[in-house]
PDB file of N, CA and C in Angstrom:
ATOM      1  N   LYS A   1     -34.124  -7.335   7.790  1.00  0.00           N
ATOM      2  CA  LYS A   1     -33.001  -8.202   7.864  1.00  0.00           C
ATOM      3  C   LYS A   1     -31.922  -7.496   8.156  1.00  0.00           C
ATOM      4  N   GLN A   2     -31.685  -6.565   7.984  1.00  0.00           N
ATOM      5  CA  GLN A   2     -30.246  -5.128   8.307  1.00  0.00           C
ATOM      6  C   GLN A   2     -30.555  -5.298  10.170  1.00  0.00           C
ATOM      7  N   TRP A   3     -31.794  -5.660  10.582  1.00  0.00           N
ATOM      8  CA  TRP A   3     -31.790  -5.278  12.141  1.00  0.00           C
ATOM      9  C   TRP A   3     -31.139  -7.264  12.439  1.00  0.00           C
ATOM     10  N   TYR A   4     -31.543  -7.991  11.764  1.00  0.00           N
ATOM     11  CA  TYR A   4     -30.959  -9.440  12.122  1.00  0.00           C
ATOM     12  C   TYR A   4     -29.569  -9.322  11.725  1.00  0.00           C
ATOM     13  N   GLN A   5     -28.739  -8.868  10.722  1.00  0.00           N
ATOM     14  CA  GLN A   5     -27.606  -8.925  10.615  1.00  0.00           C
ATOM     15  C   GLN A   5     -26.595  -7.820  11.652  1.00  0.00           C
ATOM     16  N   ARG A   6     -27.442  -6.591  12.044  1.00  0.00           N
ATOM     17  CA  ARG A   6     -26.692  -5.917  13.398  1.00  0.00           C
ATOM     18  C   ARG A   6     -26.861  -6.630  14.364  1.00  0.00           C
ATOM     19  N   ARG A   7     -27.927  -7.318  14.846  1.00  0.00           N
ATOM     20  CA  ARG A   7     -27.530  -8.270  16.041  1.00  0.00           C
ATOM     21  C   ARG A   7     -26.683  -9.444  15.881  1.00  0.00           C
ATOM     22  N   VAL A   8     -26.556 -10.055  14.713  1.00  0.00           N
ATOM     23  CA  VAL A   8     -25.840 -11.277  14.674  1.00  0.00           C
ATOM     24  C   VAL A   8     -24.359 -10.622  14.743  1.00  0.00           C
ATOM     25  N   ARG A   9     -23.996  -9.192  14.115  1.00  0.00           N
ATOM     26  CA  ARG A   9     -22.796  -8.722  14.218  1.00  0.00           C
ATOM     27  C   ARG A   9     -22.048  -8.505  15.646  1.00  0.00           C
ATOM     28  N   GLY A  10     -23.520  -7.959  16.732  1.00  0.00           N
ATOM     29  CA  GLY A  10     -23.509  -7.634  17.872  1.00  0.00           C
ATOM     30  C   GLY A  10     -23.381  -8.713  18.585  1.00  0.00           C
ATOM     31  N   ASP A  11     -23.715  -9.949  18.355  1.00  0.00           N
ATOM     32  CA  ASP A  11     -23.684 -11.286  18.885  1.00  0.00           C
ATOM     33  C   ASP A  11     -21.883 -11.762  18.970  1.00  0.00           C
ATOM     34  N   LEU A  12     -21.798 -11.548  17.725  1.00  0.00           N
ATOM     35  CA  LEU A  12     -20.173 -12.136  17.205  1.00  0.00           C
ATOM     36  C   LEU A  12     -19.372 -11.440  18.197  1.00  0.00           C
ATOM     37  N   VAL A  13     -19.475  -9.829  18.086  1.00  0.00           N
ATOM     38  CA  VAL A  13     -18.678  -8.840  18.848  1.00  0.00           C
ATOM     39  C   VAL A  13     -18.626  -9.200  20.268  1.00  0.00           C
ATOM     40  N   GLU A  14     -19.736  -9.572  20.856  1.00  0.00           N
ATOM     41  CA  GLU A  14     -19.718  -9.946  22.240  1.00  0.00           C
ATOM     42  C   GLU A  14     -18.775 -11.416  22.286  1.00  0.00           C
ATOM     43  N   ARG A  15     -19.086 -11.918  21.611  1.00  0.00           N
ATOM     44  CA  ARG A  15     -18.614 -13.328  22.034  1.00  0.00           C
ATOM     45  C   ARG A  15     -17.044 -13.234  21.847  1.00  0.00           C
ATOM     46  N   ILE A  16     -16.211 -12.399  20.531  1.00  0.00           N
ATOM     47  CA  ILE A  16     -15.530 -12.365  20.525  1.00  0.00           C
ATOM     48  C   ILE A  16     -14.448 -11.382  21.908  1.00  0.00           C
ATOM     49  N   LYS A  17     -14.971 -10.657  22.271  1.00  0.00           N
ATOM     50  CA  LYS A  17     -14.659  -9.899  23.507  1.00  0.00           C
ATOM     51  C   LYS A  17     -14.764 -10.755  24.579  1.00  0.00           C
ATOM     52  N   HIS A  18     -15.925 -11.396  24.865  1.00  0.00           N
ATOM     53  CA  HIS A  18     -15.947 -12.187  26.023  1.00  0.00           C
ATOM     54  C   HIS A  18     -14.654 -13.367  26.090  1.00  0.00           C
ATOM     55  N   SER A  19     -14.473 -14.111  24.811  1.00  0.00           N
ATOM     56  CA  SER A  19     -13.115 -15.095  24.851  1.00  0.00           C
ATOM     57  C   SER A  19     -11.884 -13.982  25.096  1.00  0.00           C
ATOM     58  N   SER A  20     -11.948 -13.234  24.440  1.00  0.00           N
ATOM     59  CA  SER A  20     -10.364 -12.506  24.422  1.00  0.00           C
ATOM     60  C   SER A  20     -10.334 -12.043  26.053  1.00  0.00           C
ATOM     61  N   SER A  21     -11.610 -11.667  26.519  1.00  0.00           N
ATOM     62  CA  SER A  21     -11.391 -10.870  27.843  1.00  0.00           C
ATOM     63  C   SER A  21     -10.986 -12.198  29.049  1.00  0.00           C
ATOM     64  N   THR A  22     -11.491 -13.150  28.668  1.00  0.00           N
ATOM     65  CA  THR A  22     -11.177 -14.656  29.621  1.00  0.00           C
ATOM     66  C   THR A  22      -9.787 -14.901  29.247  1.00  0.00           C
ATOM     67  N   ALA A  23      -9.404 -14.684  28.322  1.00  0.00           N
ATOM     68  CA  ALA A  23      -8.159 -15.435  27.960  1.00  0.00           C
ATOM     69  C   ALA A  23      -7.079 -14.455  28.251  1.00  0.00           C
ATOM     70  N   HIS A  24      -7.415 -12.900  28.098  1.00  0.00           N
ATOM     71  CA  HIS A  24      -6.205 -11.751  28.383  1.00  0.00           C
ATOM     72  C   HIS A  24      -6.455 -10.885  29.583  1.00  0.00           C
ATOM     73  N   GLY A  25      -7.382 -11.806  30.473  1.00  0.00           N
ATOM     74  CA  GLY A  25      -7.786 -10.876  31.387  1.00  0.00           C
ATOM     75  C   GLY A  25      -8.886  -9.741  31.149  1.00  0.00           C
ATOM     76  N   GLU A  26      -9.560  -8.911  31.790  1.00  0.00           N
ATOM     77  CA  GLU A  26     -10.414  -7.882  31.541  1.00  0.00           C
ATOM     78  C   GLU A  26     -10.148  -7.107  30.410  1.00  0.00           C
ATOM     79  N   LEU A  27     -11.144  -6.557  29.325  1.00  0.00           N
ATOM     80  CA  LEU A  27     -10.543  -5.736  28.206  1.00  0.00           C
ATOM     81  C   LEU A  27     -10.557  -4.460  28.683  1.00  0.00           C
ATOM     82  N   GLU A  28     -10.034  -3.186  28.601  1.00  0.00           N
ATOM     83  CA  GLU A  28     -10.222  -2.137  29.027  1.00  0.00           C
ATOM     84  C   GLU A  28     -10.296  -1.011  27.541  1.00  0.00           C
ATOM     85  N   GLY A  29     -11.032  -0.326  27.460  1.00  0.00           N
ATOM     86  CA  GLY A  29     -11.277   0.673  26.185  1.00  0.00           C
ATOM     87  C   GLY A  29     -12.836   0.468  25.757  1.00  0.00           C
ATOM     88  N   GLY A  30     -13.449  -0.486  26.443  1.00  0.00           N
ATOM     89  CA  GLY A  30     -14.878  -0.058  25.781  1.00  0.00           C
ATOM     90  C   GLY A  30     -15.235   0.086  24.303  1.00  0.00           C
ATOM     91  N   GLU A  31     -15.834   1.045  23.710  1.00  0.00           N
ATOM     92  CA  GLU A  31     -16.295   1.487  22.813  1.00  0.00           C
ATOM     93  C   GLU A  31     -14.997   1.422  21.616  1.00  0.00           C
ATOM     94  N   GLU A  32     -13.867   1.798  21.480  1.00  0.00           N
ATOM     95  CA  GLU A  32     -13.110   1.701  20.771  1.00  0.00           C
ATOM     96  C   GLU A  32     -12.544   0.542  20.407  1.00  0.00           C
ATOM     97  N   ASP A  33     -12.444  -0.544  21.573  1.00  0.00           N
ATOM     98  CA  ASP A  33     -12.576  -1.869  21.222  1.00  0.00           C
ATOM     99  C   ASP A  33     -13.463  -2.808  20.172  1.00  0.00           C
ATOM    100  N   ASN A  34     -14.936  -2.135  20.639  1.00  0.00           N
ATOM    101  CA  ASN A  34     -15.950  -2.560  19.853  1.00  0.00           C
ATOM    102  C   ASN A  34     -15.930  -2.457  18.671  1.00  0.00           C
ATOM    103  N   SER A  35     -15.505  -0.872  17.919  1.00  0.00           N
ATOM    104  CA  SER A  35     -15.496  -0.560  16.595  1.00  0.00           C
ATOM    105  C   SER A  35     -14.528  -1.162  15.884  1.00  0.00           C
ATOM    106  N   GLU A  36     -13.348  -1.478  16.775  1.00  0.00           N
ATOM    107  CA  GLU A  36     -12.143  -2.268  15.877  1.00  0.00           C
ATOM    108  C   GLU A  36     -12.735  -3.734  15.704  1.00  0.00           C
ATOM    109  N   ILE A  37     -13.147  -4.519  16.453  1.00  0.00           N
ATOM    110  CA  ILE A  37     -13.812  -5.398  16.655  1.00  0.00           C
ATOM    111  C   ILE A  37     -14.560  -5.684  15.315  1.00  0.00           C
ATOM    112  N   THR A  38     -15.575  -5.010  15.502  1.00  0.00           N
ATOM    113  CA  THR A  38     -16.590  -4.469  14.283  1.00  0.00           C
ATOM    114  C   THR A  38     -16.129  -4.665  12.863  1.00  0.00           C
ATOM    115  N   SER A  39     -15.014  -3.455  13.041  1.00  0.00           N
ATOM    116  CA  SER A  39     -14.458  -3.403  11.325  1.00  0.00           C
ATOM    117  C   SER A  39     -13.589  -4.583  10.931  1.00  0.00           C
ATOM    118  N   THR A  40     -12.991  -5.263  11.964  1.00  0.00           N
ATOM    119  CA  THR A  40     -12.107  -6.371  11.846  1.00  0.00           C
ATOM    120  C   THR A  40     -13.378  -7.471  10.880  1.00  0.00           C
ATOM    121  N   ILE A  41     -14.390  -7.533  11.672  1.00  0.00           N
ATOM    122  CA  ILE A  41     -15.467  -8.511  11.175  1.00  0.00           C
ATOM    123  C   ILE A  41     -16.244  -8.338   9.413  1.00  0.00           C
ATOM    124  N   ILE A  42     -16.182  -7.082   9.466  1.00  0.00           N
ATOM    125  CA  ILE A  42     -16.748  -6.384   8.003  1.00  0.00           C
ATOM    126  C   ILE A  42     -15.560  -6.552   7.098  1.00  0.00           C
ATOM    127  N   LEU A  43     -14.351  -6.242   7.500  1.00  0.00           N
ATOM    128  CA  LEU A  43     -13.276  -6.392   6.574  1.00  0.00           C
ATOM    129  C   LEU A  43     -13.061  -7.879   6.118  1.00  0.00           C
ATOM    130  N   ASN A  44     -13.192  -8.810   7.209  1.00  0.00           N
ATOM    131  CA  ASN A  44     -13.382 -10.145   6.992  1.00  0.00           C
ATOM    132  C   ASN A  44     -14.243 -10.525   6.278  1.00  0.00           C
ATOM    133  N   SER A  45     -15.572  -9.968   6.263  1.00  0.00           N
ATOM    134  CA  SER A  45     -16.656 -10.497   5.224  1.00  0.00           C
ATOM    135  C   SER A  45     -16.563 -10.212   3.767  1.00  0.00           C
ATOM    136  N   VAL A  46     -16.100  -8.909   3.892  1.00  0.00           N
ATOM    137  CA  VAL A  46     -15.144  -7.767   2.636  1.00  0.00           C
ATOM    138  C   VAL A  46     -14.317  -8.944   1.737  1.00  0.00           C
ATOM    139  N   ALA A  47     -13.666  -9.571   2.257  1.00  0.00           N
ATOM    140  CA  ALA A  47     -12.444 -10.406   2.059  1.00  0.00           C
ATOM    141  C   ALA A  47     -13.232 -11.923   1.273  1.00  0.00           C
ATOM    142  N   LEU A  48     -13.959 -12.042   2.393  1.00  0.00           N
ATOM    143  CA  LEU A  48     -14.862 -13.345   1.732  1.00  0.00           C
ATOM    144  C   LEU A  48     -15.759 -13.493   0.582  1.00  0.00           C
ATOM    145  N   HIS A  49     -16.365 -12.270   0.515  1.00  0.00           N
ATOM    146  CA  HIS A  49     -17.065 -11.835  -0.773  1.00  0.00           C
ATOM    147  C   HIS A  49     -15.941 -11.966  -2.074  1.00  0.00           C
ATOM    148  N   CYS A  50     -14.764 -11.245  -1.820  1.00  0.00           N
ATOM    149  CA  CYS A  50     -13.889 -11.103  -2.604  1.00  0.00           C
ATOM    150  C   CYS A  50     -13.229 -12.408  -3.157  1.00  0.00           C
ATOM    151  N   MET A  51     -12.997 -13.661  -2.166  1.00  0.00           N
ATOM    152  CA  MET A  51     -12.785 -15.049  -2.421  1.00  0.00           C
ATOM    153  C   MET A  51     -14.048 -15.481  -3.287  1.00  0.00           C
ATOM    154  N   LYS A  52     -15.553 -14.951  -2.850  1.00  0.00           N
ATOM    155  CA  LYS A  52     -16.106 -15.863  -3.603  1.00  0.00           C
ATOM    156  C   LYS A  52     -16.586 -15.370  -5.035  1.00  0.00           C
ATOM    157  N   ARG A  53     -15.773 -14.284  -5.563  1.00  0.00           N
ATOM    158  CA  ARG A  53     -15.822 -13.612  -6.609  1.00  0.00           C
ATOM    159  C   ARG A  53     -17.187 -12.641  -6.615  1.00  0.00           C
ATOM    160  N   ASP A  54     -17.652 -12.444  -5.466  1.00  0.00           N
ATOM    161  CA  ASP A  54     -18.707 -11.604  -5.498  1.00  0.00           C
ATOM    162  C   ASP A  54     -18.215 -10.036  -5.249  1.00  0.00           C
ATOM    163  N   LEU A  55     -17.859  -9.575  -5.975  1.00  0.00           N
ATOM    164  CA  LEU A  55     -17.142  -8.196  -6.176  1.00  0.00           C
ATOM    165  C   LEU A  55     -17.916  -6.793  -5.721  1.00  0.00           C
ATOM    166  N   ASN A  56     -19.197  -7.135  -6.508  1.00  0.00           N
ATOM    167  CA  ASN A  56     -20.078  -6.216  -6.187  1.00  0.00           C
ATOM    168  C   ASN A  56     -20.524  -6.020  -5.023  1.00  0.00           C
ATOM    169  N   LYS A  57     -20.820  -7.024  -4.122  1.00  0.00           N
ATOM    170  CA  LYS A  57     -21.265  -6.866  -2.931  1.00  0.00           C
ATOM    171  C   LYS A  57     -20.162  -6.606  -1.994  1.00  0.00           C
ATOM    172  N   ALA A  58     -18.958  -7.094  -2.259  1.00  0.00           N
ATOM    173  CA  ALA A  58     -17.898  -6.736  -1.508  1.00  0.00           C
ATOM    174  C   ALA A  58     -17.683  -5.041  -1.457  1.00  0.00           C
ATOM    175  N   LYS A  59     -17.756  -4.723  -2.453  1.00  0.00           N
ATOM    176  CA  LYS A  59     -17.521  -3.173  -2.838  1.00  0.00           C
ATOM    177  C   LYS A  59     -18.455  -2.524  -2.310  1.00  0.00           C
ATOM    178  N   ARG A  60     -19.898  -2.850  -2.530  1.00  0.00           N
ATOM    179  CA  ARG A  60     -21.227  -2.254  -1.495  1.00  0.00           C
ATOM    180  C   ARG A  60     -20.549  -2.015   0.128  1.00  0.00           C
ATOM    181  N   ILE A  61     -20.278  -3.593   0.607  1.00  0.00           N
ATOM    182  CA  ILE A  61     -20.190  -3.188   1.782  1.00  0.00           C
ATOM    183  C   ILE A  61     -18.977  -2.446   2.598  1.00  0.00           C
ATOM    184  N   LEU A  62     -17.890  -2.647   1.651  1.00  0.00           N
ATOM    185  CA  LEU A  62     -16.920  -2.012   2.175  1.00  0.00           C
ATOM    186  C   LEU A  62     -16.753  -0.303   1.846  1.00  0.00           C
ATOM    187  N   VAL A  63     -17.669   0.038   0.600  1.00  0.00           N
ATOM    188  CA  VAL A  63     -17.640   1.447   0.558  1.00  0.00           C
ATOM    189  C   VAL A  63     -18.738   1.946   1.873  1.00  0.00           C
ATOM    190  N   GLN A  64     -19.545   1.141   2.400  1.00  0.00           N
ATOM    191  CA  GLN A  64     -20.752   1.372   3.339  1.00  0.00           C
ATOM    192  C   GLN A  64     -19.867   1.520   4.360  1.00  0.00           C
ATOM    193  N   HIS A  65     -19.103   0.615   4.954  1.00  0.00           N
ATOM    194  CA  HIS A  65     -17.964   1.001   6.168  1.00  0.00           C
ATOM    195  C   HIS A  65     -17.668   1.910   6.092  1.00  0.00           C
ATOM    196  N   LEU A  66     -16.336   2.301   4.969  1.00  0.00           N
ATOM    197  CA  LEU A  66     -16.062   2.922   5.164  1.00  0.00           C
ATOM    198  C   LEU A  66     -16.472   4.634   5.274  1.00  0.00           C
ATOM    199  N   SER A  67     -17.746   4.562   4.382  1.00  0.00           N
ATOM    200  CA  SER A  67     -18.763   5.860   4.632  1.00  0.00           C
ATOM    201  C   SER A  67     -18.799   6.230   6.349  1.00  0.00           C
ATOM    202  N   THR A  68     -18.847   5.145   7.376  1.00  0.00           N
ATOM    203  CA  THR A  68     -19.028   5.744   8.550  1.00  0.00           C
ATOM    204  C   THR A  68     -17.698   5.920   9.502  1.00  0.00           C
ATOM    205  N   LEU A  69     -17.131   5.898   8.561  1.00  0.00           N
ATOM    206  CA  LEU A  69     -15.431   6.168   9.365  1.00  0.00           C
ATOM    207  C   LEU A  69     -15.032   7.507   8.900  1.00  0.00           C
ATOM    208  N   ARG A  70     -14.151   8.020   9.970  1.00  0.00           N
ATOM    209  CA  ARG A  70     -13.501   9.466   9.374  1.00  0.00           C
ATOM    210  C   ARG A  70     -12.547   9.246   8.382  1.00  0.00           C
ATOM    211  N   ASP A  71     -11.964   9.834   7.523  1.00  0.00           N
ATOM    212  CA  ASP A  71     -11.075   9.812   6.653  1.00  0.00           C
ATOM    213  C   ASP A  71      -9.872   9.238   7.294  1.00  0.00           C
ATOM    214  N   ASP A  72      -9.288   9.733   8.786  1.00  0.00           N
ATOM    215  CA  ASP A  72      -8.103   9.470   9.103  1.00  0.00           C
ATOM    216  C   ASP A  72      -8.173   7.953   9.779  1.00  0.00           C
ATOM    217  N   GLU A  73      -9.004   7.451   9.731  1.00  0.00           N
ATOM    218  CA  GLU A  73      -9.892   6.070  10.484  1.00  0.00           C
ATOM    219  C   GLU A  73      -9.732   4.894   9.596  1.00  0.00           C
ATOM    220  N   HIS A  74      -9.785   5.397   8.113  1.00  0.00           N
ATOM    221  CA  HIS A  74      -9.323   4.469   7.385  1.00  0.00           C
ATOM    222  C   HIS A  74      -8.343   3.320   7.547  1.00  0.00           C
ATOM    223  N   PRO A  75      -8.685   1.899   7.874  1.00  0.00           N
ATOM    224  CA  PRO A  75      -7.573   0.961   7.828  1.00  0.00           C
ATOM    225  C   PRO A  75      -6.799   0.663   6.723  1.00  0.00           C
ATOM    226  N   LEU A  76      -5.792   0.200   6.625  1.00  0.00           N
ATOM    227  CA  LEU A  76      -4.633   0.119   5.414  1.00  0.00           C
ATOM    228  C   LEU A  76      -5.546  -0.905   5.026  1.00  0.00           C
ATOM    229  N   GLN A  77      -5.745  -2.123   5.747  1.00  0.00           N
ATOM    230  CA  GLN A  77      -6.322  -3.497   4.995  1.00  0.00           C
ATOM    231  C   GLN A  77      -7.643  -3.049   3.816  1.00  0.00           C
ATOM    232  N   ALA A  78      -8.457  -2.024   4.246  1.00  0.00           N
ATOM    233  CA  ALA A  78      -9.758  -1.446   3.386  1.00  0.00           C
ATOM    234  C   ALA A  78      -9.294  -0.759   2.365  1.00  0.00           C
ATOM    235  N   THR A  79      -8.305  -0.265   2.316  1.00  0.00           N
ATOM    236  CA  THR A  79      -7.692   0.554   1.120  1.00  0.00           C
ATOM    237  C   THR A  79      -7.116  -0.719   0.372  1.00  0.00           C
ATOM    238  N   MET A  80      -6.520  -1.408   0.831  1.00  0.00           N
ATOM    239  CA  MET A  80      -6.064  -2.669   0.043  1.00  0.00           C
ATOM    240  C   MET A  80      -6.976  -3.876  -0.631  1.00  0.00           C
ATOM    241  N   LEU A  81      -7.949  -3.906   0.199  1.00  0.00           N
ATOM    242  CA  LEU A  81      -9.185  -4.374  -0.357  1.00  0.00           C
ATOM    243  C   LEU A  81      -9.903  -3.822  -1.714  1.00  0.00           C
ATOM    244  N   LEU A  82     -10.090  -2.146  -1.339  1.00  0.00           N
ATOM    245  CA  LEU A  82     -10.735  -1.492  -2.674  1.00  0.00           C
ATOM    246  C   LEU A  82      -9.932  -1.749  -3.752  1.00  0.00           C
ATOM    247  N   VAL A  83      -8.461  -1.405  -3.500  1.00  0.00           N
ATOM    248  CA  VAL A  83      -7.824  -1.507  -4.712  1.00  0.00           C
ATOM    249  C   VAL A  83      -7.881  -2.964  -5.510  1.00  0.00           C
ATOM    250  N   TYR A  84      -8.083  -4.084  -4.656  1.00  0.00           N
ATOM    251  CA  TYR A  84      -8.026  -5.213  -5.228  1.00  0.00           C
ATOM    252  C   TYR A  84      -9.132  -5.448  -5.972  1.00  0.00           C
ATOM    253  N   ILE A  85     -10.278  -4.769  -5.471  1.00  0.00           N
ATOM    254  CA  ILE A  85     -11.598  -4.914  -5.975  1.00  0.00           C
ATOM    255  C   ILE A  85     -11.787  -4.068  -7.503  1.00  0.00           C
ATOM    256  N   GLU A  86     -11.021  -2.920  -7.139  1.00  0.00           N
ATOM    257  CA  GLU A  86     -10.911  -1.879  -8.668  1.00  0.00           C
ATOM    258  C   GLU A  86     -10.087  -2.683  -9.703  1.00  0.00           C
ATOM    259  N   LEU A  87      -9.205  -3.680  -9.557  1.00  0.00           N
ATOM    260  CA  LEU A  87      -8.251  -3.997 -10.104  1.00  0.00           C
ATOM    261  C   LEU A  87      -8.636  -5.416 -10.725  1.00  0.00           C
ATOM    262  N   ARG A  88      -9.549  -6.170  -9.962  1.00  0.00           N
ATOM    263  CA  ARG A  88     -10.408  -7.159 -10.531  1.00  0.00           C
ATOM    264  C   ARG A  88     -11.566  -7.013 -11.432  1.00  0.00           C
ATOM    265  N   GLN A  89     -12.245  -5.646 -11.091  1.00  0.00           N
ATOM    266  CA  GLN A  89     -13.231  -5.155 -12.199  1.00  0.00           C
ATOM    267  C   GLN A  89     -12.735  -4.512 -13.157  1.00  0.00           C
ATOM    268  N   GLY A  90     -11.058  -4.233 -13.355  1.00  0.00           N
ATOM    269  CA  GLY A  90     -10.847  -3.779 -14.636  1.00  0.00           C
ATOM    270  C   GLY A  90     -10.782  -2.074 -14.557  1.00  0.00           C
ATOM    271  N   ASN A  91     -10.561  -1.554 -13.190  1.00  0.00           N
ATOM    272  CA  ASN A  91     -11.101  -0.314 -13.182  1.00  0.00           C
ATOM    273  C   ASN A  91      -9.436   0.284 -12.613  1.00  0.00           C
ATOM    274  N   THR A  92      -8.341   0.174 -13.438  1.00  0.00           N
ATOM    275  CA  THR A  92      -6.853   0.231 -13.059  1.00  0.00           C
ATOM    276  C   THR A  92      -6.756   1.754 -12.828  1.00  0.00           C
ATOM    277  N   GLU A  93      -7.454   2.796 -13.529  1.00  0.00           N
ATOM    278  CA  GLU A  93      -7.327   3.884 -13.003  1.00  0.00           C
ATOM    279  C   GLU A  93      -7.801   4.568 -11.668  1.00  0.00           C
ATOM    280  N   ASN A  94      -8.912   3.829 -11.278  1.00  0.00           N
ATOM    281  CA  ASN A  94      -9.509   4.041 -10.341  1.00  0.00           C
ATOM    282  C   ASN A  94      -8.738   3.297  -9.245  1.00  0.00           C
ATOM    283  N   ALA A  95      -8.069   2.515  -9.308  1.00  0.00           N
ATOM    284  CA  ALA A  95      -7.233   1.662  -8.148  1.00  0.00           C
ATOM    285  C   ALA A  95      -5.983   2.621  -7.993  1.00  0.00           C
ATOM    286  N   LEU A  96      -5.311   3.247  -9.148  1.00  0.00           N
ATOM    287  CA  LEU A  96      -4.159   3.970  -9.013  1.00  0.00           C
ATOM    288  C   LEU A  96      -4.737   4.989  -8.030  1.00  0.00           C
ATOM    289  N   SER A  97      -5.447   5.792  -8.361  1.00  0.00           N
ATOM    290  CA  SER A  97      -6.178   7.115  -7.676  1.00  0.00           C
ATOM    291  C   SER A  97      -6.440   6.886  -6.379  1.00  0.00           C
ATOM    292  N   ILE A  98      -6.469   5.727  -5.868  1.00  0.00           N
ATOM    293  CA  ILE A  98      -7.251   5.217  -4.260  1.00  0.00           C
ATOM    294  C   ILE A  98      -5.702   5.281  -3.746  1.00  0.00           C
ATOM    295  N   LEU A  99      -4.419   4.461  -4.427  1.00  0.00           N
ATOM    296  CA  LEU A  99      -2.903   4.539  -4.183  1.00  0.00           C
ATOM    297  C   LEU A  99      -2.474   5.675  -3.809  1.00  0.00           C
ATOM    298  N   LYS A 100      -2.888   6.547  -4.805  1.00  0.00           N
ATOM    299  CA  LYS A 100      -2.158   8.119  -4.512  1.00  0.00           C
ATOM    300  C   LYS A 100      -2.618   8.653  -3.342  1.00  0.00           C
ATOM    301  N   GLN A 101      -4.193   8.408  -3.255  1.00  0.00           N
ATOM    302  CA  GLN A 101      -4.457   9.504  -2.120  1.00  0.00           C
ATOM    303  C   GLN A 101      -4.157   8.609  -0.842  1.00  0.00           C
ATOM    304  N   GLN A 102      -4.247   7.292  -0.592  1.00  0.00           N
ATOM    305  CA  GLN A 102      -3.412   6.862   0.477  1.00  0.00           C
ATOM    306  C   GLN A 102      -1.875   6.933   0.659  1.00  0.00           C
ATOM    307  N   GLN A 103      -1.264   7.270  -0.273  1.00  0.00           N
ATOM    308  CA  GLN A 103       0.016   7.823  -0.390  1.00  0.00           C
ATOM    309  C   GLN A 103       0.494   9.272   0.378  1.00  0.00           C
ATOM    310  N   CYS A 104      -0.463  10.011  -0.111  1.00  0.00           N
ATOM    311  CA  CYS A 104      -0.551  11.499   0.230  1.00  0.00           C
ATOM    312  C   CYS A 104      -1.038  11.451   1.555  1.00  0.00           C
ATOM    313  N   SER A 105      -1.922  10.934   2.265  1.00  0.00           N
ATOM    314  CA  SER A 105      -2.292  10.786   3.851  1.00  0.00           C
ATOM    315  C   SER A 105      -1.302  10.024   4.453  1.00  0.00           C
TER     316      SER A 105
END
């Protein structure tokens, strides 16, 4: 199942890169562009799970994604999604702690 998900994610990334490169000329940057696109897809998936009220799955995907990034690479959108999930689950102290950490960095 994970192999299939990685393949589908890779296919999506390639389609987005291809459509973007044909619309705006060739992409330069390679791996950096790829990881940014992958991150966007993952964050969109997390947002979709939030909309479907599947907060446990959303949090699991988000935490797993954040664990693959350096601390200085965490996108603001990921932090806001995590705060949203914590608030929806009634964990106001955790949400406040996350916001304080974000403010300090």
